[in-house]
């Protein structure tokens, strides 16, 4: 039997959420569960109504994306877990291709390339992910920011628990912090050089509205792990 994949969609007052859910529902991969974590929304819950019978809907008090992800990941019953932001979309074969790769290679975590779309769903940039010539170059990129798009990620549930979950105290860089902890645990971060996610850039997204705060938080996380990351990089060949 094909391994189950849990798709976690954190949701907070986002009118795009129905598009995210549809893209998860219409995956070509047959063995998925979809968990929508409503992080204390006050608007747009009505967009979920047509899909409630086909998803697991969980409500919780507002605690931020890291908190919502932890809640959904802990509920997941799949071998693998994928994260889909409520304003993004998966391409229809995203789960099938990523599971096939991870089963074949034994990868515990992988990420992929992605396209960028605008607020209307039109693709504005193809293959927008940065490609690195070596594992060392990829890991070195973390010294300057986060080179991984979280919605391209798939990981084993076992890895999530082994790393210790997302730091819910980091409103904007919970993912950056988590990926660094994965690297410091010496877990191979696999890359699939194919766009399998549509990442939406729009004026209401957090990275636009809270840019200065995010930059400060990135710098804080960066400095927290600086010595450990420099030590890791120095040990890598190349």
Foldseek 3Di string as FASTA:
>chain_A
DQFEEEEEEEDAQDQLQLQAVVLVVQAPDDHYAYEYEDQQHPDNPVSCVVCPVRHHYHYDHHLADQVSVVVRLVVDPTQKYAYDYSNKHFHRHLVVVVSVVCVVVVAQKEFEFAFEAENVRHTDGPRPQDDDPDPLRQLVVLLPPDRGDRRRMMGGSVVCVVLPGFDSVQRQCSVSLSVNSCVLVVGDYHYDYHHGMYHYDYCPDPCNVPVVVNVVSSVVSSVVCVVSSVVSSVPDDD
